[in-house]
N, C-alpha and C. Protein backbone atom coordinates (compact mmCIF):
# COMPACT_ATOMS: atom_id res chain seq x y z
N UNK A 1 150.12 121.85 75.23
CA UNK A 1 149.60 122.22 76.54
C UNK A 1 148.15 122.70 76.44
N UNK A 2 147.86 123.50 75.41
CA UNK A 2 146.50 124.00 75.22
C UNK A 2 145.55 122.84 74.95
N UNK A 3 146.01 121.86 74.17
CA UNK A 3 145.18 120.69 73.89
C UNK A 3 144.88 119.91 75.16
N UNK A 4 145.87 119.79 76.03
CA UNK A 4 145.68 119.09 77.30
C UNK A 4 144.67 119.82 78.18
N UNK A 5 144.75 121.13 78.20
CA UNK A 5 143.80 121.91 78.99
C UNK A 5 142.39 121.79 78.42
N UNK A 6 142.27 121.81 77.12
CA UNK A 6 140.96 121.65 76.47
C UNK A 6 140.38 120.26 76.78
N UNK A 7 141.23 119.24 76.75
CA UNK A 7 140.77 117.89 77.05
C UNK A 7 140.33 117.81 78.51
N UNK A 8 141.10 118.43 79.40
CA UNK A 8 140.75 118.45 80.82
C UNK A 8 139.43 119.19 81.04
N UNK A 9 139.27 120.31 80.37
CA UNK A 9 138.03 121.08 80.49
C UNK A 9 136.84 120.25 80.02
N UNK A 10 137.02 119.53 78.93
CA UNK A 10 135.96 118.69 78.39
C UNK A 10 135.58 117.60 79.38
N UNK A 11 136.58 117.00 80.00
CA UNK A 11 136.32 115.95 80.97
C UNK A 11 135.62 116.51 82.21
N UNK A 12 135.99 117.69 82.64
CA UNK A 12 135.35 118.34 83.78
C UNK A 12 133.88 118.62 83.48
N UNK A 13 133.61 119.08 82.27
CA UNK A 13 132.23 119.34 81.84
C UNK A 13 131.43 118.04 81.85
N UNK A 14 132.02 116.96 81.38
CA UNK A 14 131.35 115.66 81.36
C UNK A 14 131.05 115.18 82.79
N UNK A 15 132.02 115.33 83.67
CA UNK A 15 131.83 114.90 85.07
C UNK A 15 130.73 115.74 85.73
N UNK A 16 130.73 117.04 85.49
CA UNK A 16 129.71 117.91 86.07
C UNK A 16 128.32 117.53 85.54
N UNK A 17 128.25 117.24 84.27
CA UNK A 17 126.97 116.82 83.67
C UNK A 17 126.50 115.50 84.27
N UNK A 18 127.41 114.55 84.39
CA UNK A 18 127.08 113.26 85.00
C UNK A 18 126.62 113.45 86.45
N UNK A 19 127.28 114.33 87.16
CA UNK A 19 126.91 114.60 88.55
C UNK A 19 125.48 115.15 88.63
N UNK A 20 125.13 116.09 87.76
CA UNK A 20 123.76 116.63 87.74
C UNK A 20 122.75 115.54 87.42
N UNK A 21 123.09 114.71 86.44
CA UNK A 21 122.19 113.62 86.05
C UNK A 21 121.98 112.65 87.21
N UNK A 22 123.06 112.29 87.88
CA UNK A 22 122.96 111.36 89.00
C UNK A 22 122.19 111.96 90.18
N UNK A 23 122.38 113.24 90.42
CA UNK A 23 121.61 113.89 91.50
C UNK A 23 120.11 113.87 91.20
N UNK A 24 119.76 114.15 89.95
CA UNK A 24 118.35 114.13 89.55
C UNK A 24 117.78 112.72 89.68
N UNK A 25 118.56 111.74 89.25
CA UNK A 25 118.11 110.34 89.36
C UNK A 25 117.96 109.94 90.82
N UNK A 26 118.90 110.36 91.65
CA UNK A 26 118.85 110.07 93.08
C UNK A 26 117.59 110.66 93.70
N UNK A 27 117.28 111.88 93.35
CA UNK A 27 116.07 112.53 93.86
C UNK A 27 114.83 111.76 93.45
N UNK A 28 114.79 111.37 92.19
CA UNK A 28 113.64 110.60 91.68
C UNK A 28 113.52 109.26 92.41
N UNK A 29 114.64 108.59 92.62
CA UNK A 29 114.61 107.30 93.31
C UNK A 29 114.17 107.46 94.77
N UNK A 30 114.59 108.53 95.41
CA UNK A 30 114.14 108.78 96.79
C UNK A 30 112.63 109.00 96.84
N UNK A 31 112.10 109.70 95.86
CA UNK A 31 110.65 109.92 95.80
C UNK A 31 109.91 108.61 95.56
N UNK A 32 110.44 107.79 94.67
CA UNK A 32 109.82 106.49 94.41
C UNK A 32 109.87 105.61 95.65
N UNK A 33 110.98 105.65 96.37
CA UNK A 33 111.12 104.87 97.59
C UNK A 33 110.11 105.32 98.64
N UNK A 34 109.97 106.62 98.79
CA UNK A 34 109.01 107.16 99.76
C UNK A 34 107.59 106.73 99.40
N UNK A 35 107.26 106.76 98.13
CA UNK A 35 105.92 106.34 97.68
C UNK A 35 105.72 104.85 97.94
N UNK A 36 106.73 104.05 97.67
CA UNK A 36 106.62 102.60 97.89
C UNK A 36 106.49 102.29 99.38
N UNK A 37 107.22 103.01 100.21
CA UNK A 37 107.11 102.80 101.66
C UNK A 37 105.73 103.20 102.17
N UNK A 38 105.19 104.29 101.65
CA UNK A 38 103.85 104.71 102.05
C UNK A 38 102.81 103.67 101.63
N UNK A 39 102.96 103.14 100.42
CA UNK A 39 102.04 102.11 99.95
C UNK A 39 102.16 100.86 100.82
N UNK A 40 103.38 100.47 101.13
CA UNK A 40 103.60 99.29 101.98
C UNK A 40 102.96 99.48 103.35
N UNK A 41 103.11 100.66 103.92
CA UNK A 41 102.51 100.94 105.23
C UNK A 41 100.99 100.87 105.16
N UNK A 42 100.42 101.39 104.09
CA UNK A 42 98.97 101.33 103.90
C UNK A 42 98.48 99.89 103.78
N UNK A 43 99.23 99.09 103.02
CA UNK A 43 98.85 97.69 102.85
C UNK A 43 98.99 96.92 104.16
N UNK A 44 100.02 97.23 104.93
CA UNK A 44 100.20 96.57 106.22
C UNK A 44 99.04 96.90 107.15
N UNK A 45 98.58 98.15 107.10
CA UNK A 45 97.43 98.56 107.91
C UNK A 45 96.18 97.80 107.50
N UNK A 46 95.96 97.69 106.19
CA UNK A 46 94.79 96.97 105.69
C UNK A 46 94.85 95.49 106.09
N UNK A 47 96.04 94.90 106.03
CA UNK A 47 96.18 93.49 106.43
C UNK A 47 95.88 93.32 107.92
N UNK A 48 96.35 94.23 108.72
CA UNK A 48 96.08 94.16 110.16
C UNK A 48 94.58 94.29 110.43
N UNK A 49 93.92 95.18 109.74
CA UNK A 49 92.48 95.34 109.89
C UNK A 49 91.75 94.06 109.47
N UNK A 50 92.16 93.49 108.35
CA UNK A 50 91.54 92.25 107.88
C UNK A 50 91.80 91.11 108.87
N UNK A 51 93.01 91.04 109.38
CA UNK A 51 93.35 89.99 110.35
C UNK A 51 92.47 90.11 111.59
N UNK A 52 92.31 91.31 112.09
CA UNK A 52 91.48 91.53 113.27
C UNK A 52 90.03 91.15 112.99
N UNK A 53 89.55 91.50 111.82
CA UNK A 53 88.16 91.18 111.45
C UNK A 53 87.97 89.67 111.36
N UNK A 54 88.91 88.98 110.75
CA UNK A 54 88.82 87.52 110.64
C UNK A 54 88.85 86.88 112.02
N UNK A 55 89.74 87.35 112.88
CA UNK A 55 89.80 86.81 114.24
C UNK A 55 88.49 87.03 114.97
N UNK A 56 87.89 88.18 114.77
CA UNK A 56 86.60 88.48 115.39
C UNK A 56 85.52 87.52 114.87
N UNK A 57 85.51 87.30 113.56
CA UNK A 57 84.52 86.38 112.98
C UNK A 57 84.73 84.95 113.47
N UNK A 58 85.98 84.53 113.59
CA UNK A 58 86.27 83.18 114.08
C UNK A 58 85.78 83.01 115.50
N UNK A 59 85.95 84.02 116.33
CA UNK A 59 85.47 83.94 117.72
C UNK A 59 83.95 83.83 117.77
N UNK A 60 83.26 84.32 116.77
CA UNK A 60 81.80 84.28 116.76
C UNK A 60 81.27 82.94 116.26
N UNK A 61 82.11 82.12 115.66
CA UNK A 61 81.66 80.82 115.17
C UNK A 61 81.31 79.92 116.34
N UNK A 62 80.26 79.15 116.19
CA UNK A 62 79.93 78.22 117.27
C UNK A 62 80.99 77.11 117.33
N UNK A 63 81.25 76.66 118.54
CA UNK A 63 82.23 75.59 118.69
C UNK A 63 81.60 74.29 118.25
N UNK A 64 82.38 73.47 117.58
CA UNK A 64 81.88 72.16 117.16
C UNK A 64 82.38 71.12 118.13
N UNK A 65 81.52 70.17 118.39
CA UNK A 65 81.90 69.09 119.32
C UNK A 65 82.42 67.93 118.48
N UNK A 66 83.55 67.42 118.87
CA UNK A 66 84.13 66.31 118.16
C UNK A 66 83.67 65.01 118.83
N UNK A 67 83.33 64.01 118.03
CA UNK A 67 82.90 62.73 118.63
C UNK A 67 84.04 62.07 119.37
N UNK A 68 83.73 61.47 120.53
CA UNK A 68 84.76 60.85 121.36
C UNK A 68 85.08 59.45 120.93
């Protein structure tokens, strides 16, 4: 019986340790996700700015006449 309790205690310690490890990993992954989302948002903003600038430049181009 004592051996069974010791084995159970050991398994509980292992599970608690795994739980702490997984919580720390989860926190780290959430931080990485937040950073990636912020970077994505910044890049989307830059693309929108570039798109607007290109559209503005295209509007400034003289129209070409095509031969009939």
